[in-house]
C-alpha atoms as a PDB file:
ATOM      1  CA  MET A   1       4.324   9.446  31.996  1.00  0.00           C
ATOM      2  CA  PRO A   2       3.068   5.938  32.319  1.00  0.00           C
ATOM      3  CA  TYR A   3       5.522   3.037  31.986  1.00  0.00           C
ATOM      4  CA  VAL A   4       5.429   1.199  28.726  1.00  0.00           C
ATOM      5  CA  THR A   5       6.559  -2.401  28.621  1.00  0.00           C
ATOM      6  CA  GLY A   6       8.665  -3.935  25.896  1.00  0.00           C
ATOM      7  CA  ILE A   7       5.625  -5.833  24.615  1.00  0.00           C
ATOM      8  CA  GLU A   8       3.567  -2.668  24.545  1.00  0.00           C
ATOM      9  CA  ARG A   9       6.307  -0.889  22.598  1.00  0.00           C
ATOM     10  CA  ILE A  10       6.471  -3.782  20.075  1.00  0.00           C
ATOM     11  CA  ALA A  11       2.678  -3.653  19.745  1.00  0.00           C
ATOM     12  CA  LEU A  12       2.662   0.145  19.203  1.00  0.00           C
ATOM     13  CA  LYS A  13       5.411  -0.152  16.607  1.00  0.00           C
ATOM     14  CA  LYS A  14       3.539  -2.855  14.747  1.00  0.00           C
ATOM     15  CA  GLY A  15       0.276  -0.852  14.867  1.00  0.00           C
ATOM     16  CA  MET A  16       2.034   2.203  13.482  1.00  0.00           C
ATOM     17  CA  GLN A  17       3.629   0.178  10.656  1.00  0.00           C
ATOM     18  CA  GLN A  18       0.284  -1.341   9.810  1.00  0.00           C
ATOM     19  CA  GLY A  19      -1.369   2.086   9.834  1.00  0.00           C
ATOM     20  CA  MET A  20       1.310   3.532   7.523  1.00  0.00           C
ATOM     21  CA  GLN A  21       1.102   0.613   5.150  1.00  0.00           C
ATOM     22  CA  LYS A  22      -2.775   0.977   5.068  1.00  0.00           C
ATOM     23  CA  GLY A  23      -2.334   4.671   4.251  1.00  0.00           C
ATOM     24  CA  GLU A  24       0.197   3.941   1.469  1.00  0.00           C
ATOM     25  CA  ALA A  25      -2.214   1.389  -0.036  1.00  0.00           C
ATOM     26  CA  GLN A  26      -5.097   3.860   0.072  1.00  0.00           C
ATOM     27  CA  LEU A  27      -2.990   6.590  -1.575  1.00  0.00           C
ATOM     28  CA  PHE A  28      -1.741   4.138  -4.219  1.00  0.00           C
ATOM     29  CA  SER A  29      -5.307   3.013  -4.950  1.00  0.00           C
ATOM     30  CA  ARG A  30      -6.528   6.600  -5.338  1.00  0.00           C
ATOM     31  CA  LEU A  31      -3.720   7.399  -7.752  1.00  0.00           C
ATOM     32  CA  LEU A  32      -4.299   4.251  -9.734  1.00  0.00           C
ATOM     33  CA  ALA A  33      -8.063   4.847  -9.975  1.00  0.00           C
ATOM     34  CA  LEU A  34      -7.532   8.530 -11.027  1.00  0.00           C
ATOM     35  CA  LYS A  35      -5.279   7.409 -13.877  1.00  0.00           C
ATOM     36  CA  PHE A  36      -6.976   4.169 -15.032  1.00  0.00           C
ATOM     37  CA  GLY A  37     -10.469   4.212 -13.626  1.00  0.00           C
ATOM     38  CA  PRO A  38     -12.210   1.889 -11.225  1.00  0.00           C
ATOM     39  CA  ILE A  39     -10.047  -0.783  -9.642  1.00  0.00           C
ATOM     40  CA  PRO A  40     -11.427  -4.336  -9.938  1.00  0.00           C
ATOM     41  CA  GLU A  41     -11.888  -6.190  -6.612  1.00  0.00           C
ATOM     42  CA  ASP A  42      -9.116  -8.718  -7.265  1.00  0.00           C
ATOM     43  CA  LYS A  43      -6.654  -5.980  -7.859  1.00  0.00           C
ATOM     44  CA  GLN A  44      -7.829  -4.024  -4.820  1.00  0.00           C
ATOM     45  CA  ARG A  45      -7.268  -7.114  -2.669  1.00  0.00           C
ATOM     46  CA  LEU A  46      -3.767  -7.464  -4.135  1.00  0.00           C
ATOM     47  CA  ILE A  47      -3.002  -3.806  -3.335  1.00  0.00           C
ATOM     48  CA  GLU A  48      -4.285  -4.169   0.274  1.00  0.00           C
ATOM     49  CA  SER A  49      -2.139  -7.207   0.881  1.00  0.00           C
ATOM     50  CA  ALA A  50       1.047  -5.689  -0.646  1.00  0.00           C
ATOM     51  CA  GLY A  51       3.946  -4.595   1.550  1.00  0.00           C
ATOM     52  CA  SER A  52       5.379  -1.073   1.607  1.00  0.00           C
ATOM     53  CA  GLN A  53       8.285  -1.870  -0.710  1.00  0.00           C
ATOM     54  CA  GLN A  54       5.928  -3.330  -3.389  1.00  0.00           C
ATOM     55  CA  LEU A  55       3.530  -0.352  -3.061  1.00  0.00           C
ATOM     56  CA  ARG A  56       6.492   2.046  -3.647  1.00  0.00           C
ATOM     57  CA  GLN A  57       7.600   0.071  -6.756  1.00  0.00           C
ATOM     58  CA  TRP A  58       4.057   0.137  -8.136  1.00  0.00           C
ATOM     59  CA  SER A  59       3.714   3.837  -7.361  1.00  0.00           C
ATOM     60  CA  GLU A  60       6.785   4.631  -9.414  1.00  0.00           C
ATOM     61  CA  ARG A  61       5.300   2.624 -12.352  1.00  0.00           C
ATOM     62  CA  ILE A  62       2.178   4.682 -12.392  1.00  0.00           C
ATOM     63  CA  LEU A  63       4.120   7.519 -13.946  1.00  0.00           C
ATOM     64  CA  THR A  64       4.992   5.695 -17.138  1.00  0.00           C
ATOM     65  CA  ALA A  65       2.584   2.741 -17.417  1.00  0.00           C
ATOM     66  CA  GLN A  66      -0.155   2.581 -20.018  1.00  0.00           C
ATOM     67  CA  SER A  67      -2.475   0.233 -18.086  1.00  0.00           C
ATOM     68  CA  MET A  68      -3.325  -0.879 -14.689  1.00  0.00           C
ATOM     69  CA  ASP A  69      -1.956  -4.368 -15.470  1.00  0.00           C
ATOM     70  CA  GLU A  70       1.363  -2.804 -16.474  1.00  0.00           C
ATOM     71  CA  VAL A  71       1.611  -1.180 -13.037  1.00  0.00           C
ATOM     72  CA  LEU A  72       0.742  -4.276 -11.056  1.00  0.00           C
ATOM     73  CA  ASN A  73       2.714  -6.780 -13.189  1.00  0.00           C
ATOM     74  CA  ASP A  74       5.600  -8.138 -11.121  1.00  0.00           C
ATOM     75  CA  SER A  75       7.612  -9.572 -14.031  1.00  0.00           C
END
């Protein structure tokens, strides 16, 4: 087994987190589009830049929201 430096470990962890966040954003986008239709570009950029916690909050809102704006509204 090759030796992995601390820097490599940090880079691997960061890469895995980014990959998981990208997957969460893709799944969220799919669910949002299935419920409300095509996602406008500005909203898609918002989704892609959101963190995991924000994506989870929005994902829970999909269940009861009546519009895409209601899901993505942070107030």
